Amino acid sequence: MPKRFSRRVVIVCDALDEMDETQQRQRIFPLFHEMKDNGFSFFLTSRPHPADVRESFCDAIQIDIIPDPKDLDLHVRNILDRSVKFLNVIRGSHRVNLESIVSTLVASAEGM
């Protein structure tokens, strides 16, 4: 017997907050709502700060995703380790400390 596939369609759109509000979000949000009314499902990601995103999807299920500080620390270190300019600054300075830079960046990210 052949396998049957669900007719459910889920559209994934990552980083709504990185779209331009007037050029992109104002155009695409009405389309999302129309598609939702016609049976489509969505998985959308965004930082919480854009007011138009919060207002447009206020009735949607929301899940806060907060990275583990250890993962964020590792990510920052990996990026800095690949930066030749940064490594040159660190090597040439007695006042710049890698640990303080990483901890400051991780703390200021506030889970973002």
PDB file of N, CA and C in Angstrom:
ATOM      1  N   MET A   1       0.837  -1.174   0.000  1.00  0.00           N
ATOM      2  CA  MET A   1       0.000   0.000   0.000  1.00  0.00           C
ATOM      3  C   MET A   1       0.893   1.252   0.000  1.00  0.00           C
ATOM      4  N   PRO A   2       0.646   2.215  -0.883  1.00  0.00           N
ATOM      5  CA  PRO A   2       1.475   3.426  -0.927  1.00  0.00           C
ATOM      6  C   PRO A   2       1.274   4.282   0.318  1.00  0.00           C
ATOM      7  N   LYS A   3       2.348   4.974   0.695  1.00  0.00           N
ATOM      8  CA  LYS A   3       2.278   5.876   1.843  1.00  0.00           C
ATOM      9  C   LYS A   3       1.481   7.114   1.454  1.00  0.00           C
ATOM     10  N   ARG A   4       0.742   7.615   2.410  1.00  0.00           N
ATOM     11  CA  ARG A   4      -0.030   8.828   2.183  1.00  0.00           C
ATOM     12  C   ARG A   4       0.652   9.971   2.922  1.00  0.00           C
ATOM     13  N   PHE A   5       0.703  11.086   2.290  1.00  0.00           N
ATOM     14  CA  PHE A   5       1.305  12.255   2.896  1.00  0.00           C
ATOM     15  C   PHE A   5       0.205  13.183   3.395  1.00  0.00           C
ATOM     16  N   SER A   6       0.506  13.844   4.477  1.00  0.00           N
ATOM     17  CA  SER A   6      -0.415  14.825   5.025  1.00  0.00           C
ATOM     18  C   SER A   6      -0.517  16.009   4.069  1.00  0.00           C
ATOM     19  N   ARG A   7      -1.660  16.603   4.024  1.00  0.00           N
ATOM     20  CA  ARG A   7      -1.852  17.779   3.175  1.00  0.00           C
ATOM     21  C   ARG A   7      -1.526  19.070   3.925  1.00  0.00           C
ATOM     22  N   ARG A   8      -0.999  18.927   5.105  1.00  0.00           N
ATOM     23  CA  ARG A   8      -0.653  20.099   5.913  1.00  0.00           C
ATOM     24  C   ARG A   8       0.624  20.738   5.377  1.00  0.00           C
ATOM     25  N   VAL A   9       0.600  22.034   5.237  1.00  0.00           N
ATOM     26  CA  VAL A   9       1.762  22.785   4.780  1.00  0.00           C
ATOM     27  C   VAL A   9       2.195  23.715   5.912  1.00  0.00           C
ATOM     28  N   VAL A  10       3.484  23.653   6.248  1.00  0.00           N
ATOM     29  CA  VAL A  10       4.046  24.538   7.259  1.00  0.00           C
ATOM     30  C   VAL A  10       5.109  25.391   6.586  1.00  0.00           C
ATOM     31  N   ILE A  11       4.975  26.692   6.729  1.00  0.00           N
ATOM     32  CA  ILE A  11       5.941  27.623   6.161  1.00  0.00           C
ATOM     33  C   ILE A  11       6.840  28.111   7.287  1.00  0.00           C
ATOM     34  N   VAL A  12       8.139  28.046   7.060  1.00  0.00           N
ATOM     35  CA  VAL A  12       9.122  28.466   8.060  1.00  0.00           C
ATOM     36  C   VAL A  12       9.754  29.771   7.587  1.00  0.00           C
ATOM     37  N   CYS A  13       9.765  30.751   8.469  1.00  0.00           N
ATOM     38  CA  CYS A  13      10.401  32.034   8.161  1.00  0.00           C
ATOM     39  C   CYS A  13      11.212  32.450   9.384  1.00  0.00           C
ATOM     40  N   ASP A  14      12.514  32.514   9.214  1.00  0.00           N
ATOM     41  CA  ASP A  14      13.428  32.807  10.307  1.00  0.00           C
ATOM     42  C   ASP A  14      13.807  34.284  10.306  1.00  0.00           C
ATOM     43  N   ALA A  15      13.960  34.842  11.488  1.00  0.00           N
ATOM     44  CA  ALA A  15      14.510  36.189  11.697  1.00  0.00           C
ATOM     45  C   ALA A  15      13.639  37.296  11.116  1.00  0.00           C
ATOM     46  N   LEU A  16      12.370  37.296  11.465  1.00  0.00           N
ATOM     47  CA  LEU A  16      11.480  38.379  11.014  1.00  0.00           C
ATOM     48  C   LEU A  16      12.012  39.748  11.432  1.00  0.00           C
ATOM     49  N   ASP A  17      12.658  39.803  12.595  1.00  0.00           N
ATOM     50  CA  ASP A  17      13.188  41.061  13.103  1.00  0.00           C
ATOM     51  C   ASP A  17      14.302  41.626  12.225  1.00  0.00           C
ATOM     52  N   GLU A  18      14.913  40.788  11.397  1.00  0.00           N
ATOM     53  CA  GLU A  18      15.986  41.256  10.526  1.00  0.00           C
ATOM     54  C   GLU A  18      15.471  41.772   9.185  1.00  0.00           C
ATOM     55  N   MET A  19      14.178  41.597   8.940  1.00  0.00           N
ATOM     56  CA  MET A  19      13.586  42.144   7.713  1.00  0.00           C
ATOM     57  C   MET A  19      13.339  43.635   7.902  1.00  0.00           C
ATOM     58  N   ASP A  20      13.366  44.368   6.819  1.00  0.00           N
ATOM     59  CA  ASP A  20      13.027  45.782   6.867  1.00  0.00           C
ATOM     60  C   ASP A  20      11.522  45.910   7.103  1.00  0.00           C
ATOM     61  N   GLU A  21      11.146  46.741   8.072  1.00  0.00           N
ATOM     62  CA  GLU A  21       9.729  46.849   8.434  1.00  0.00           C
ATOM     63  C   GLU A  21       8.862  47.331   7.282  1.00  0.00           C
ATOM     64  N   THR A  22       9.254  48.409   6.635  1.00  0.00           N
ATOM     65  CA  THR A  22       8.381  48.970   5.598  1.00  0.00           C
ATOM     66  C   THR A  22       8.499  48.260   4.255  1.00  0.00           C
ATOM     67  N   GLN A  23       9.683  47.822   3.906  1.00  0.00           N
ATOM     68  CA  GLN A  23       9.876  47.191   2.598  1.00  0.00           C
ATOM     69  C   GLN A  23       9.493  45.711   2.579  1.00  0.00           C
ATOM     70  N   GLN A  24       9.579  45.042   3.730  1.00  0.00           N
ATOM     71  CA  GLN A  24       9.351  43.592   3.733  1.00  0.00           C
ATOM     72  C   GLN A  24       8.222  43.168   4.663  1.00  0.00           C
ATOM     73  N   ARG A  25       8.305  43.516   5.945  1.00  0.00           N
ATOM     74  CA  ARG A  25       7.312  43.003   6.894  1.00  0.00           C
ATOM     75  C   ARG A  25       5.911  43.524   6.607  1.00  0.00           C
ATOM     76  N   GLN A  26       5.773  44.800   6.262  1.00  0.00           N
ATOM     77  CA  GLN A  26       4.442  45.335   5.981  1.00  0.00           C
ATOM     78  C   GLN A  26       3.806  44.667   4.766  1.00  0.00           C
ATOM     79  N   ARG A  27       4.615  44.155   3.885  1.00  0.00           N
ATOM     80  CA  ARG A  27       4.092  43.469   2.697  1.00  0.00           C
ATOM     81  C   ARG A  27       3.782  42.003   2.965  1.00  0.00           C
ATOM     82  N   ILE A  28       4.622  41.350   3.757  1.00  0.00           N
ATOM     83  CA  ILE A  28       4.491  39.897   3.915  1.00  0.00           C
ATOM     84  C   ILE A  28       3.510  39.499   5.023  1.00  0.00           C
ATOM     85  N   PHE A  29       3.354  40.306   6.056  1.00  0.00           N
ATOM     86  CA  PHE A  29       2.464  39.928   7.155  1.00  0.00           C
ATOM     87  C   PHE A  29       1.021  39.729   6.702  1.00  0.00           C
ATOM     88  N   PRO A  30       0.444  40.634   5.899  1.00  0.00           N
ATOM     89  CA  PRO A  30      -0.927  40.376   5.427  1.00  0.00           C
ATOM     90  C   PRO A  30      -1.036  39.074   4.624  1.00  0.00           C
ATOM     91  N   LEU A  31      -0.007  38.755   3.874  1.00  0.00           N
ATOM     92  CA  LEU A  31       0.010  37.503   3.122  1.00  0.00           C
ATOM     93  C   LEU A  31       0.022  36.309   4.083  1.00  0.00           C
ATOM     94  N   PHE A  32       0.834  36.385   5.136  1.00  0.00           N
ATOM     95  CA  PHE A  32       0.870  35.320   6.141  1.00  0.00           C
ATOM     96  C   PHE A  32      -0.519  35.108   6.749  1.00  0.00           C
ATOM     97  N   HIS A  33      -1.199  36.200   7.100  1.00  0.00           N
ATOM     98  CA  HIS A  33      -2.517  36.093   7.734  1.00  0.00           C
ATOM     99  C   HIS A  33      -3.549  35.510   6.761  1.00  0.00           C
ATOM    100  N   GLU A  34      -3.486  35.903   5.518  1.00  0.00           N
ATOM    101  CA  GLU A  34      -4.399  35.353   4.512  1.00  0.00           C
ATOM    102  C   GLU A  34      -4.146  33.855   4.329  1.00  0.00           C
ATOM    103  N   MET A  35      -2.877  33.477   4.265  1.00  0.00           N
ATOM    104  CA  MET A  35      -2.544  32.066   4.105  1.00  0.00           C
ATOM    105  C   MET A  35      -2.985  31.258   5.331  1.00  0.00           C
ATOM    106  N   LYS A  36      -2.814  31.830   6.531  1.00  0.00           N
ATOM    107  CA  LYS A  36      -3.254  31.157   7.759  1.00  0.00           C
ATOM    108  C   LYS A  36      -4.757  30.905   7.700  1.00  0.00           C
ATOM    109  N   ASP A  37      -5.509  31.893   7.229  1.00  0.00           N
ATOM    110  CA  ASP A  37      -6.960  31.754   7.114  1.00  0.00           C
ATOM    111  C   ASP A  37      -7.350  30.682   6.101  1.00  0.00           C
ATOM    112  N   ASN A  38      -6.423  30.298   5.230  1.00  0.00           N
ATOM    113  CA  ASN A  38      -6.680  29.279   4.215  1.00  0.00           C
ATOM    114  C   ASN A  38      -6.010  27.942   4.538  1.00  0.00           C
ATOM    115  N   GLY A  39      -5.649  27.747   5.816  1.00  0.00           N
ATOM    116  CA  GLY A  39      -5.187  26.444   6.254  1.00  0.00           C
ATOM    117  C   GLY A  39      -3.690  26.228   6.356  1.00  0.00           C
ATOM    118  N   PHE A  40      -2.897  27.220   6.034  1.00  0.00           N
ATOM    119  CA  PHE A  40      -1.445  27.077   6.166  1.00  0.00           C
ATOM    120  C   PHE A  40      -1.044  27.243   7.629  1.00  0.00           C
ATOM    121  N   SER A  41       0.045  26.610   7.995  1.00  0.00           N
ATOM    122  CA  SER A  41       0.617  26.778   9.333  1.00  0.00           C
ATOM    123  C   SER A  41       1.985  27.426   9.179  1.00  0.00           C
ATOM    124  N   PHE A  42       2.406  28.121  10.228  1.00  0.00           N
ATOM    125  CA  PHE A  42       3.673  28.842  10.175  1.00  0.00           C
ATOM    126  C   PHE A  42       4.522  28.540  11.393  1.00  0.00           C
ATOM    127  N   PHE A  43       5.830  28.560  11.174  1.00  0.00           N
ATOM    128  CA  PHE A  43       6.819  28.549  12.245  1.00  0.00           C
ATOM    129  C   PHE A  43       7.685  29.766  11.981  1.00  0.00           C
ATOM    130  N   LEU A  44       7.526  30.792  12.816  1.00  0.00           N
ATOM    131  CA  LEU A  44       8.214  32.062  12.605  1.00  0.00           C
ATOM    132  C   LEU A  44       9.156  32.320  13.776  1.00  0.00           C
ATOM    133  N   THR A  45      10.307  32.905  13.479  1.00  0.00           N
ATOM    134  CA  THR A  45      11.222  33.293  14.551  1.00  0.00           C
ATOM    135  C   THR A  45      11.513  34.781  14.461  1.00  0.00           C
ATOM    136  N   SER A  46      11.687  35.385  15.632  1.00  0.00           N
ATOM    137  CA  SER A  46      12.000  36.809  15.710  1.00  0.00           C
ATOM    138  C   SER A  46      12.462  37.122  17.123  1.00  0.00           C
ATOM    139  N   ARG A  47      13.273  38.127  17.234  1.00  0.00           N
ATOM    140  CA  ARG A  47      13.541  38.679  18.554  1.00  0.00           C
ATOM    141  C   ARG A  47      12.267  39.409  18.968  1.00  0.00           C
ATOM    142  N   PRO A  48      12.072  39.602  20.259  1.00  0.00           N
ATOM    143  CA  PRO A  48      10.786  40.163  20.713  1.00  0.00           C
ATOM    144  C   PRO A  48      10.610  41.671  20.545  1.00  0.00           C
ATOM    145  N   HIS A  49      11.668  42.401  20.171  1.00  0.00           N
ATOM    146  CA  HIS A  49      11.566  43.859  20.208  1.00  0.00           C
ATOM    147  C   HIS A  49      10.755  44.528  19.102  1.00  0.00           C
ATOM    148  N   PRO A  50      10.630  44.032  17.878  1.00  0.00           N
ATOM    149  CA  PRO A  50       9.846  44.803  16.901  1.00  0.00           C
ATOM    150  C   PRO A  50       8.351  44.802  17.258  1.00  0.00           C
ATOM    151  N   ALA A  51       7.804  45.990  17.471  1.00  0.00           N
ATOM    152  CA  ALA A  51       6.399  46.115  17.878  1.00  0.00           C
ATOM    153  C   ALA A  51       5.456  45.538  16.826  1.00  0.00           C
ATOM    154  N   ASP A  52       5.757  45.728  15.549  1.00  0.00           N
ATOM    155  CA  ASP A  52       4.849  45.226  14.507  1.00  0.00           C
ATOM    156  C   ASP A  52       4.791  43.704  14.493  1.00  0.00           C
ATOM    157  N   VAL A  53       5.894  43.047  14.841  1.00  0.00           N
ATOM    158  CA  VAL A  53       5.901  41.584  14.910  1.00  0.00           C
ATOM    159  C   VAL A  53       5.050  41.139  16.098  1.00  0.00           C
ATOM    160  N   ARG A  54       5.264  41.753  17.256  1.00  0.00           N
ATOM    161  CA  ARG A  54       4.476  41.395  18.455  1.00  0.00           C
ATOM    162  C   ARG A  54       2.989  41.601  18.206  1.00  0.00           C
ATOM    163  N   GLU A  55       2.625  42.739  17.619  1.00  0.00           N
ATOM    164  CA  GLU A  55       1.216  43.060  17.395  1.00  0.00           C
ATOM    165  C   GLU A  55       0.580  42.141  16.354  1.00  0.00           C
ATOM    166  N   SER A  56       1.297  41.861  15.293  1.00  0.00           N
ATOM    167  CA  SER A  56       0.733  41.071  14.212  1.00  0.00           C
ATOM    168  C   SER A  56       0.496  39.614  14.610  1.00  0.00           C
ATOM    169  N   PHE A  57       1.329  39.105  15.530  1.00  0.00           N
ATOM    170  CA  PHE A  57       1.222  37.698  15.904  1.00  0.00           C
ATOM    171  C   PHE A  57       0.945  37.523  17.400  1.00  0.00           C
ATOM    172  N   CYS A  58       0.213  38.473  17.991  1.00  0.00           N
ATOM    173  CA  CYS A  58      -0.041  38.444  19.432  1.00  0.00           C
ATOM    174  C   CYS A  58      -0.866  37.227  19.856  1.00  0.00           C
ATOM    175  N   ASP A  59      -1.643  36.666  18.946  1.00  0.00           N
ATOM    176  CA  ASP A  59      -2.468  35.510  19.299  1.00  0.00           C
ATOM    177  C   ASP A  59      -1.771  34.176  19.015  1.00  0.00           C
ATOM    178  N   ALA A  60      -0.537  34.231  18.524  1.00  0.00           N
ATOM    179  CA  ALA A  60       0.211  33.013  18.189  1.00  0.00           C
ATOM    180  C   ALA A  60       0.846  32.412  19.441  1.00  0.00           C
ATOM    181  N   ILE A  61       1.087  31.120  19.392  1.00  0.00           N
ATOM    182  CA  ILE A  61       1.829  30.456  20.470  1.00  0.00           C
ATOM    183  C   ILE A  61       3.270  30.958  20.401  1.00  0.00           C
ATOM    184  N   GLN A  62       3.810  31.353  21.536  1.00  0.00           N
ATOM    185  CA  GLN A  62       5.168  31.896  21.564  1.00  0.00           C
ATOM    186  C   GLN A  62       6.032  31.089  22.518  1.00  0.00           C
ATOM    187  N   ILE A  63       7.251  30.836  22.095  1.00  0.00           N
ATOM    188  CA  ILE A  63       8.215  30.105  22.905  1.00  0.00           C
ATOM    189  C   ILE A  63       9.493  30.932  22.970  1.00  0.00           C
ATOM    190  N   ASP A  64       9.957  31.222  24.173  1.00  0.00           N
ATOM    191  CA  ASP A  64      11.220  31.930  24.332  1.00  0.00           C
ATOM    192  C   ASP A  64      12.354  30.915  24.261  1.00  0.00           C
ATOM    193  N   ILE A  65      13.317  31.177  23.405  1.00  0.00           N
ATOM    194  CA  ILE A  65      14.487  30.318  23.289  1.00  0.00           C
ATOM    195  C   ILE A  65      15.688  31.108  23.787  1.00  0.00           C
ATOM    196  N   ILE A  66      16.272  30.640  24.878  1.00  0.00           N
ATOM    197  CA  ILE A  66      17.387  31.347  25.494  1.00  0.00           C
ATOM    198  C   ILE A  66      18.606  30.426  25.476  1.00  0.00           C
ATOM    199  N   PRO A  67      19.692  30.859  24.838  1.00  0.00           N
ATOM    200  CA  PRO A  67      20.870  29.989  24.762  1.00  0.00           C
ATOM    201  C   PRO A  67      21.550  29.828  26.117  1.00  0.00           C
ATOM    202  N   ASP A  68      22.188  28.699  26.280  1.00  0.00           N
ATOM    203  CA  ASP A  68      22.994  28.455  27.469  1.00  0.00           C
ATOM    204  C   ASP A  68      24.200  29.391  27.413  1.00  0.00           C
ATOM    205  N   PRO A  69      24.518  30.089  28.500  1.00  0.00           N
ATOM    206  CA  PRO A  69      25.672  31.001  28.487  1.00  0.00           C
ATOM    207  C   PRO A  69      26.977  30.324  28.065  1.00  0.00           C
ATOM    208  N   LYS A  70      27.126  29.036  28.372  1.00  0.00           N
ATOM    209  CA  LYS A  70      28.336  28.307  27.960  1.00  0.00           C
ATOM    210  C   LYS A  70      28.413  28.205  26.437  1.00  0.00           C
ATOM    211  N   ASP A  71      27.258  27.968  25.795  1.00  0.00           N
ATOM    212  CA  ASP A  71      27.232  27.894  24.334  1.00  0.00           C
ATOM    213  C   ASP A  71      27.547  29.253  23.719  1.00  0.00           C
ATOM    214  N   LEU A  72      26.992  30.306  24.314  1.00  0.00           N
ATOM    215  CA  LEU A  72      27.253  31.655  23.823  1.00  0.00           C
ATOM    216  C   LEU A  72      28.729  32.008  23.988  1.00  0.00           C
ATOM    217  N   ASP A  73      29.317  31.648  25.120  1.00  0.00           N
ATOM    218  CA  ASP A  73      30.740  31.866  25.376  1.00  0.00           C
ATOM    219  C   ASP A  73      31.583  31.166  24.307  1.00  0.00           C
ATOM    220  N   LEU A  74      31.271  29.912  24.030  1.00  0.00           N
ATOM    221  CA  LEU A  74      32.008  29.144  23.021  1.00  0.00           C
ATOM    222  C   LEU A  74      31.863  29.768  21.639  1.00  0.00           C
ATOM    223  N   HIS A  75      30.655  30.210  21.312  1.00  0.00           N
ATOM    224  CA  HIS A  75      30.407  30.842  20.013  1.00  0.00           C
ATOM    225  C   HIS A  75      31.237  32.123  19.858  1.00  0.00           C
ATOM    226  N   VAL A  76      31.235  32.970  20.886  1.00  0.00           N
ATOM    227  CA  VAL A  76      32.010  34.221  20.846  1.00  0.00           C
ATOM    228  C   VAL A  76      33.497  33.910  20.695  1.00  0.00           C
ATOM    229  N   ARG A  77      33.994  32.956  21.451  1.00  0.00           N
ATOM    230  CA  ARG A  77      35.411  32.584  21.352  1.00  0.00           C
ATOM    231  C   ARG A  77      35.760  32.082  19.946  1.00  0.00           C
ATOM    232  N   ASN A  78      34.893  31.274  19.348  1.00  0.00           N
ATOM    233  CA  ASN A  78      35.146  30.767  17.998  1.00  0.00           C
ATOM    234  C   ASN A  78      35.216  31.897  16.976  1.00  0.00           C
ATOM    235  N   ILE A  79      34.331  32.859  17.110  1.00  0.00           N
ATOM    236  CA  ILE A  79      34.348  34.002  16.182  1.00  0.00           C
ATOM    237  C   ILE A  79      35.619  34.816  16.370  1.00  0.00           C
ATOM    238  N   LEU A  80      35.970  35.109  17.620  1.00  0.00           N
ATOM    239  CA  LEU A  80      37.172  35.910  17.881  1.00  0.00           C
ATOM    240  C   LEU A  80      38.438  35.175  17.450  1.00  0.00           C
ATOM    241  N   ASP A  81      38.470  33.873  17.634  1.00  0.00           N
ATOM    242  CA  ASP A  81      39.645  33.085  17.224  1.00  0.00           C
ATOM    243  C   ASP A  81      39.884  33.121  15.720  1.00  0.00           C
ATOM    244  N   ARG A  82      38.837  33.367  14.951  1.00  0.00           N
ATOM    245  CA  ARG A  82      38.977  33.416  13.488  1.00  0.00           C
ATOM    246  C   ARG A  82      39.265  34.827  12.968  1.00  0.00           C
ATOM    247  N   SER A  83      39.271  35.802  13.852  1.00  0.00           N
ATOM    248  CA  SER A  83      39.511  37.183  13.440  1.00  0.00           C
ATOM    249  C   SER A  83      40.987  37.545  13.583  1.00  0.00           C
ATOM    250  N   VAL A  84      41.658  37.664  12.461  1.00  0.00           N
ATOM    251  CA  VAL A  84      43.085  38.006  12.470  1.00  0.00           C
ATOM    252  C   VAL A  84      43.293  39.386  13.096  1.00  0.00           C
ATOM    253  N   LYS A  85      42.452  40.344  12.757  1.00  0.00           N
ATOM    254  CA  LYS A  85      42.596  41.694  13.332  1.00  0.00           C
ATOM    255  C   LYS A  85      42.462  41.659  14.847  1.00  0.00           C
ATOM    256  N   PHE A  86      41.470  40.927  15.338  1.00  0.00           N
ATOM    257  CA  PHE A  86      41.275  40.847  16.781  1.00  0.00           C
ATOM    258  C   PHE A  86      42.478  40.194  17.462  1.00  0.00           C
ATOM    259  N   LEU A  87      42.948  39.101  16.900  1.00  0.00           N
ATOM    260  CA  LEU A  87      44.092  38.401  17.495  1.00  0.00           C
ATOM    261  C   LEU A  87      45.327  39.289  17.523  1.00  0.00           C
ATOM    262  N   ASN A  88      45.522  40.105  16.493  1.00  0.00           N
ATOM    263  CA  ASN A  88      46.653  41.035  16.473  1.00  0.00           C
ATOM    264  C   ASN A  88      46.530  42.091  17.570  1.00  0.00           C
ATOM    265  N   VAL A  89      45.321  42.566  17.819  1.00  0.00           N
ATOM    266  CA  VAL A  89      45.106  43.554  18.884  1.00  0.00           C
ATOM    267  C   VAL A  89      45.402  42.924  20.242  1.00  0.00           C
ATOM    268  N   ILE A  90      44.913  41.724  20.451  1.00  0.00           N
ATOM    269  CA  ILE A  90      45.130  41.028  21.728  1.00  0.00           C
ATOM    270  C   ILE A  90      46.628  40.800  21.971  1.00  0.00           C
ATOM    271  N   ARG A  91      47.324  40.341  20.947  1.00  0.00           N
ATOM    272  CA  ARG A  91      48.767  40.059  21.097  1.00  0.00           C
ATOM    273  C   ARG A  91      49.573  41.326  21.354  1.00  0.00           C
ATOM    274  N   GLY A  92      49.126  42.439  20.776  1.00  0.00           N
ATOM    275  CA  GLY A  92      49.896  43.674  20.883  1.00  0.00           C
ATOM    276  C   GLY A  92      49.521  44.558  22.052  1.00  0.00           C
ATOM    277  N   SER A  93      48.645  44.099  22.919  1.00  0.00           N
ATOM    278  CA  SER A  93      48.194  44.960  24.012  1.00  0.00           C
ATOM    279  C   SER A  93      48.333  44.248  25.356  1.00  0.00           C
ATOM    280  N   HIS A  94      48.756  45.022  26.340  1.00  0.00           N
ATOM    281  CA  HIS A  94      48.847  44.487  27.695  1.00  0.00           C
ATOM    282  C   HIS A  94      47.576  44.788  28.479  1.00  0.00           C
ATOM    283  N   ARG A  95      46.750  45.702  27.962  1.00  0.00           N
ATOM    284  CA  ARG A  95      45.539  46.103  28.676  1.00  0.00           C
ATOM    285  C   ARG A  95      44.302  45.339  28.213  1.00  0.00           C
ATOM    286  N   VAL A  96      44.349  44.737  27.024  1.00  0.00           N
ATOM    287  CA  VAL A  96      43.193  44.019  26.491  1.00  0.00           C
ATOM    288  C   VAL A  96      43.307  42.558  26.895  1.00  0.00           C
ATOM    289  N   ASN A  97      42.248  42.055  27.498  1.00  0.00           N
ATOM    290  CA  ASN A  97      42.244  40.698  28.020  1.00  0.00           C
ATOM    291  C   ASN A  97      41.108  39.912  27.357  1.00  0.00           C
ATOM    292  N   LEU A  98      41.436  38.773  26.760  1.00  0.00           N
ATOM    293  CA  LEU A  98      40.442  37.954  26.062  1.00  0.00           C
ATOM    294  C   LEU A  98      39.286  37.575  26.980  1.00  0.00           C
ATOM    295  N   GLU A  99      39.586  37.164  28.185  1.00  0.00           N
ATOM    296  CA  GLU A  99      38.528  36.722  29.111  1.00  0.00           C
ATOM    297  C   GLU A  99      37.537  37.838  29.407  1.00  0.00           C
ATOM    298  N   SER A 100      38.043  39.051  29.638  1.00  0.00           N
ATOM    299  CA  SER A 100      37.133  40.162  29.944  1.00  0.00           C
ATOM    300  C   SER A 100      36.296  40.544  28.724  1.00  0.00           C
ATOM    301  N   ILE A 101      36.879  40.451  27.535  1.00  0.00           N
ATOM    302  CA  ILE A 101      36.134  40.755  26.315  1.00  0.00           C
ATOM    303  C   ILE A 101      35.020  39.730  26.105  1.00  0.00           C
ATOM    304  N   VAL A 102      35.358  38.450  26.248  1.00  0.00           N
ATOM    305  CA  VAL A 102      34.347  37.400  26.061  1.00  0.00           C
ATOM    306  C   VAL A 102      33.244  37.535  27.092  1.00  0.00           C
ATOM    307  N   SER A 103      33.589  37.699  28.353  1.00  0.00           N
ATOM    308  CA  SER A 103      32.557  37.789  29.399  1.00  0.00           C
ATOM    309  C   SER A 103      31.684  39.027  29.204  1.00  0.00           C
ATOM    310  N   THR A 104      32.263  40.147  28.771  1.00  0.00           N
ATOM    311  CA  THR A 104      31.470  41.354  28.521  1.00  0.00           C
ATOM    312  C   THR A 104      30.512  41.147  27.359  1.00  0.00           C
ATOM    313  N   LEU A 105      30.984  40.536  26.280  1.00  0.00           N
ATOM    314  CA  LEU A 105      30.116  40.275  25.124  1.00  0.00           C
ATOM    315  C   LEU A 105      28.978  39.309  25.467  1.00  0.00           C
ATOM    316  N   VAL A 106      29.290  38.262  26.199  1.00  0.00           N
ATOM    317  CA  VAL A 106      28.264  37.287  26.584  1.00  0.00           C
ATOM    318  C   VAL A 106      27.222  37.939  27.503  1.00  0.00           C
ATOM    319  N   ALA A 107      27.696  38.721  28.462  1.00  0.00           N
ATOM    320  CA  ALA A 107      26.768  39.389  29.394  1.00  0.00           C
ATOM    321  C   ALA A 107      25.900  40.403  28.671  1.00  0.00           C
ATOM    322  N   SER A 108      26.472  41.146  27.742  1.00  0.00           N
ATOM    323  CA  SER A 108      25.697  42.185  27.057  1.00  0.00           C
ATOM    324  C   SER A 108      24.726  41.595  26.028  1.00  0.00           C
ATOM    325  N   ALA A 109      24.930  40.349  25.628  1.00  0.00           N
ATOM    326  CA  ALA A 109      24.006  39.695  24.692  1.00  0.00           C
ATOM    327  C   ALA A 109      22.658  39.437  25.350  1.00  0.00           C
ATOM    328  N   GLU A 110      22.643  39.332  26.676  1.00  0.00           N
ATOM    329  CA  GLU A 110      21.412  39.092  27.443  1.00  0.00           C
ATOM    330  C   GLU A 110      20.578  37.968  26.838  1.00  0.00           C
ATOM    331  N   GLY A 111      21.237  36.864  26.473  1.00  0.00           N
ATOM    332  CA  GLY A 111      20.533  35.703  25.947  1.00  0.00           C
ATOM    333  C   GLY A 111      20.165  35.763  24.487  1.00  0.00           C
ATOM    334  N   MET A 112      20.482  36.849  23.811  1.00  0.00           N
ATOM    335  CA  MET A 112      20.120  36.978  22.401  1.00  0.00           C
ATOM    336  C   MET A 112      21.066  36.214  21.521  1.00  0.00           C
TER     337      MET A 112
END
